Amino acid sequence: AGVSIAAMNAPKHPSDYHIGITYDAALKSDKPMMIVFYADWCSYCLKFMPKFKILSTIYKDKLNFVMLNAEETAQNTKLAQDYGVSGFPTVYISDPKYDNRVLMPNVYYQDLGRFRVEIDRYIRIRKLLDGK
């Protein structure tokens, strides 16, 4: 009756997940980005990361995915302040091309279906803006 290998290897912090690309790389891309602002001590962030990973797989062709530890560097702390982050996790779709930011309500974090409806809405609007 030992601890399973899966449990031993399970991520213990949100930063143990390595999803997506850096914020700076996402800024240089033509695609909008989905940013999750998190803190490593945040248990809700840890619970959200598997969902973020699923979304990053489903939408990899339409969005860049960025994980930002809001407490890791001065640049990340400044970005979190700039985005008005007041709790963790906080998820935004950010589109540098159109200077647009959309906050995803945390009520969606438990419901991938509702989350996907909002992502799909954003992607439809983005296509209209792009004239496609």
C-alpha atoms as a PDB file:
ATOM      1  CA  ALA A   1       0.000   0.000   0.000  1.00  0.00           C
ATOM      2  CA  GLY A   2       2.451   2.624  -1.208  1.00  0.00           C
ATOM      3  CA  VAL A   3       1.945   5.942  -2.883  1.00  0.00           C
ATOM      4  CA  SER A   4       1.377   5.560  -6.614  1.00  0.00           C
ATOM      5  CA  ILE A   5       4.085   6.683  -9.004  1.00  0.00           C
ATOM      6  CA  ALA A   6       1.594   9.081 -10.628  1.00  0.00           C
ATOM      7  CA  ALA A   7       0.913  10.754  -7.287  1.00  0.00           C
ATOM      8  CA  MET A   8       4.637  11.014  -6.573  1.00  0.00           C
ATOM      9  CA  ASN A   9       5.253  12.624  -9.966  1.00  0.00           C
ATOM     10  CA  ALA A  10       2.190  14.865  -9.908  1.00  0.00           C
ATOM     11  CA  PRO A  11       2.959  18.576 -10.283  1.00  0.00           C
ATOM     12  CA  LYS A  12       3.173  20.297  -6.899  1.00  0.00           C
ATOM     13  CA  HIS A  13       3.232  23.885  -8.187  1.00  0.00           C
ATOM     14  CA  PRO A  14       1.654  25.598 -11.184  1.00  0.00           C
ATOM     15  CA  SER A  15       5.163  26.334 -12.501  1.00  0.00           C
ATOM     16  CA  ASP A  16       5.741  22.564 -12.814  1.00  0.00           C
ATOM     17  CA  TYR A  17       3.519  22.805 -15.892  1.00  0.00           C
ATOM     18  CA  HIS A  18       5.339  24.087 -18.927  1.00  0.00           C
ATOM     19  CA  ILE A  19       2.559  25.248 -21.204  1.00  0.00           C
ATOM     20  CA  GLY A  20       2.943  27.608 -24.124  1.00  0.00           C
ATOM     21  CA  ILE A  21       5.501  30.279 -24.850  1.00  0.00           C
ATOM     22  CA  THR A  22       6.905  33.370 -23.153  1.00  0.00           C
ATOM     23  CA  TYR A  23       4.991  36.639 -23.027  1.00  0.00           C
ATOM     24  CA  ASP A  24       7.688  38.349 -25.104  1.00  0.00           C
ATOM     25  CA  ALA A  25       7.471  35.666 -27.816  1.00  0.00           C
ATOM     26  CA  ALA A  26       3.663  35.931 -27.817  1.00  0.00           C
ATOM     27  CA  LEU A  27       3.885  39.720 -28.279  1.00  0.00           C
ATOM     28  CA  LYS A  28       5.861  39.206 -31.491  1.00  0.00           C
ATOM     29  CA  SER A  29       3.316  36.752 -32.881  1.00  0.00           C
ATOM     30  CA  ASP A  30       0.282  37.541 -35.011  1.00  0.00           C
ATOM     31  CA  LYS A  31      -1.959  35.357 -32.858  1.00  0.00           C
ATOM     32  CA  PRO A  32      -3.795  36.584 -29.767  1.00  0.00           C
ATOM     33  CA  MET A  33      -2.619  35.048 -26.508  1.00  0.00           C
ATOM     34  CA  MET A  34      -4.322  33.480 -23.540  1.00  0.00           C
ATOM     35  CA  ILE A  35      -2.429  34.427 -20.401  1.00  0.00           C
ATOM     36  CA  VAL A  36      -2.850  32.797 -17.022  1.00  0.00           C
ATOM     37  CA  PHE A  37      -1.465  34.896 -14.164  1.00  0.00           C
ATOM     38  CA  TYR A  38      -0.639  32.602 -11.261  1.00  0.00           C
ATOM     39  CA  ALA A  39       1.359  32.289  -8.057  1.00  0.00           C
ATOM     40  CA  ASP A  40       3.199  29.128  -7.079  1.00  0.00           C
ATOM     41  CA  TRP A  41       1.593  28.996  -3.624  1.00  0.00           C
ATOM     42  CA  CYS A  42      -1.923  29.125  -5.132  1.00  0.00           C
ATOM     43  CA  SER A  43      -3.801  25.802  -4.882  1.00  0.00           C
ATOM     44  CA  TYR A  44      -6.557  27.050  -7.218  1.00  0.00           C
ATOM     45  CA  CYS A  45      -3.895  27.798  -9.832  1.00  0.00           C
ATOM     46  CA  LEU A  46      -2.548  24.255  -9.515  1.00  0.00           C
ATOM     47  CA  LYS A  47      -6.077  22.853  -9.990  1.00  0.00           C
ATOM     48  CA  PHE A  48      -6.607  25.060 -13.064  1.00  0.00           C
ATOM     49  CA  MET A  49      -3.397  24.111 -14.903  1.00  0.00           C
ATOM     50  CA  PRO A  50      -4.678  20.772 -16.315  1.00  0.00           C
ATOM     51  CA  LYS A  51      -7.601  22.690 -17.873  1.00  0.00           C
ATOM     52  CA  PHE A  52      -5.222  25.329 -19.240  1.00  0.00           C
ATOM     53  CA  LYS A  53      -3.191  22.487 -20.761  1.00  0.00           C
ATOM     54  CA  ILE A  54      -6.325  21.038 -22.429  1.00  0.00           C
ATOM     55  CA  LEU A  55      -7.253  24.466 -23.822  1.00  0.00           C
ATOM     56  CA  SER A  56      -3.707  24.936 -25.120  1.00  0.00           C
ATOM     57  CA  THR A  57      -4.033  21.667 -27.039  1.00  0.00           C
ATOM     58  CA  ILE A  58      -7.474  22.478 -28.475  1.00  0.00           C
ATOM     59  CA  TYR A  59      -6.640  26.065 -29.493  1.00  0.00           C
ATOM     60  CA  LYS A  60      -2.918  25.827 -30.334  1.00  0.00           C
ATOM     61  CA  ASP A  61      -3.550  26.936 -33.942  1.00  0.00           C
ATOM     62  CA  LYS A  62      -5.626  29.989 -32.959  1.00  0.00           C
ATOM     63  CA  LEU A  63      -4.017  31.295 -29.746  1.00  0.00           C
ATOM     64  CA  ASN A  64      -0.652  31.433 -28.050  1.00  0.00           C
ATOM     65  CA  PHE A  65      -0.682  30.258 -24.440  1.00  0.00           C
ATOM     66  CA  VAL A  66       1.343  32.063 -21.796  1.00  0.00           C
ATOM     67  CA  MET A  67       1.900  31.208 -18.139  1.00  0.00           C
ATOM     68  CA  LEU A  68       2.978  34.190 -16.038  1.00  0.00           C
ATOM     69  CA  ASN A  69       4.075  33.718 -12.455  1.00  0.00           C
ATOM     70  CA  ALA A  70       3.002  37.133 -11.187  1.00  0.00           C
ATOM     71  CA  GLU A  71       5.528  37.035  -8.354  1.00  0.00           C
ATOM     72  CA  GLU A  72       8.553  35.625 -10.178  1.00  0.00           C
ATOM     73  CA  THR A  73      10.141  38.756 -11.669  1.00  0.00           C
ATOM     74  CA  ALA A  74       9.680  42.509 -11.498  1.00  0.00           C
ATOM     75  CA  GLN A  75       8.523  42.451 -15.133  1.00  0.00           C
ATOM     76  CA  ASN A  76       5.829  39.851 -14.335  1.00  0.00           C
ATOM     77  CA  THR A  77       4.688  41.796 -11.258  1.00  0.00           C
ATOM     78  CA  LYS A  78       4.414  44.947 -13.378  1.00  0.00           C
ATOM     79  CA  LEU A  79       2.430  43.077 -16.060  1.00  0.00           C
ATOM     80  CA  ALA A  80       0.049  41.704 -13.422  1.00  0.00           C
ATOM     81  CA  GLN A  81      -0.483  45.243 -12.102  1.00  0.00           C
ATOM     82  CA  ASP A  82      -0.969  46.557 -15.641  1.00  0.00           C
ATOM     83  CA  TYR A  83      -3.642  43.916 -16.271  1.00  0.00           C
ATOM     84  CA  GLY A  84      -5.331  44.664 -12.940  1.00  0.00           C
ATOM     85  CA  VAL A  85      -4.791  41.195 -11.522  1.00  0.00           C
ATOM     86  CA  SER A  86      -6.206  41.031  -7.998  1.00  0.00           C
ATOM     87  CA  GLY A  87      -6.374  37.271  -7.429  1.00  0.00           C
ATOM     88  CA  PHE A  88      -5.054  33.995  -8.770  1.00  0.00           C
ATOM     89  CA  PRO A  89      -5.487  32.463 -11.195  1.00  0.00           C
ATOM     90  CA  THR A  90      -6.551  35.273 -13.538  1.00  0.00           C
ATOM     91  CA  VAL A  91      -6.968  34.514 -17.235  1.00  0.00           C
ATOM     92  CA  TYR A  92      -7.028  37.041 -20.067  1.00  0.00           C
ATOM     93  CA  ILE A  93      -7.178  36.819 -23.806  1.00  0.00           C
ATOM     94  CA  SER A  94      -4.828  39.558 -24.923  1.00  0.00           C
ATOM     95  CA  ASP A  95      -4.476  40.683 -28.511  1.00  0.00           C
ATOM     96  CA  PRO A  96      -1.598  43.108 -29.086  1.00  0.00           C
ATOM     97  CA  LYS A  97      -2.588  43.512 -32.757  1.00  0.00           C
ATOM     98  CA  TYR A  98      -5.832  45.266 -31.745  1.00  0.00           C
ATOM     99  CA  ASP A  99      -4.798  46.431 -28.259  1.00  0.00           C
ATOM    100  CA  ASN A 100      -7.623  44.319 -26.860  1.00  0.00           C
ATOM    101  CA  ARG A 101      -7.834  42.482 -23.544  1.00  0.00           C
ATOM    102  CA  VAL A 102     -10.702  40.274 -22.443  1.00  0.00           C
ATOM    103  CA  LEU A 103     -10.897  39.038 -18.858  1.00  0.00           C
ATOM    104  CA  MET A 104     -12.244  35.506 -18.538  1.00  0.00           C
ATOM    105  CA  PRO A 105     -14.581  35.376 -15.517  1.00  0.00           C
ATOM    106  CA  ASN A 106     -13.353  32.896 -12.913  1.00  0.00           C
ATOM    107  CA  VAL A 107     -16.780  31.231 -12.870  1.00  0.00           C
ATOM    108  CA  TYR A 108     -15.672  29.632 -16.192  1.00  0.00           C
ATOM    109  CA  TYR A 109     -12.516  28.083 -14.722  1.00  0.00           C
ATOM    110  CA  GLN A 110     -14.380  24.982 -13.560  1.00  0.00           C
ATOM    111  CA  ASP A 111     -16.456  24.646 -16.727  1.00  0.00           C
ATOM    112  CA  LEU A 112     -14.462  23.993 -19.891  1.00  0.00           C
ATOM    113  CA  GLY A 113     -17.636  24.120 -21.984  1.00  0.00           C
ATOM    114  CA  ARG A 114     -18.449  27.691 -20.936  1.00  0.00           C
ATOM    115  CA  PHE A 115     -14.795  28.633 -21.236  1.00  0.00           C
ATOM    116  CA  ARG A 116     -14.714  27.325 -24.815  1.00  0.00           C
ATOM    117  CA  VAL A 117     -17.882  29.271 -25.731  1.00  0.00           C
ATOM    118  CA  GLU A 118     -16.100  32.495 -24.734  1.00  0.00           C
ATOM    119  CA  ILE A 119     -12.875  31.569 -26.525  1.00  0.00           C
ATOM    120  CA  ASP A 120     -14.836  30.693 -29.674  1.00  0.00           C
ATOM    121  CA  ARG A 121     -16.686  34.026 -29.441  1.00  0.00           C
ATOM    122  CA  TYR A 122     -13.367  35.867 -29.228  1.00  0.00           C
ATOM    123  CA  ILE A 123     -11.974  33.966 -32.218  1.00  0.00           C
ATOM    124  CA  ARG A 124     -15.092  34.784 -34.299  1.00  0.00           C
ATOM    125  CA  ILE A 125     -14.757  38.502 -33.493  1.00  0.00           C
ATOM    126  CA  ARG A 126     -11.012  38.400 -34.258  1.00  0.00           C
ATOM    127  CA  LYS A 127     -11.762  36.934 -37.704  1.00  0.00           C
ATOM    128  CA  LEU A 128     -14.205  39.787 -38.368  1.00  0.00           C
ATOM    129  CA  LEU A 129     -11.562  42.325 -37.343  1.00  0.00           C
ATOM    130  CA  ASP A 130      -9.070  40.620 -39.645  1.00  0.00           C
ATOM    131  CA  GLY A 131     -11.605  40.743 -42.489  1.00  0.00           C
ATOM    132  CA  LYS A 132     -11.676  36.945 -42.855  1.00  0.00           C
END
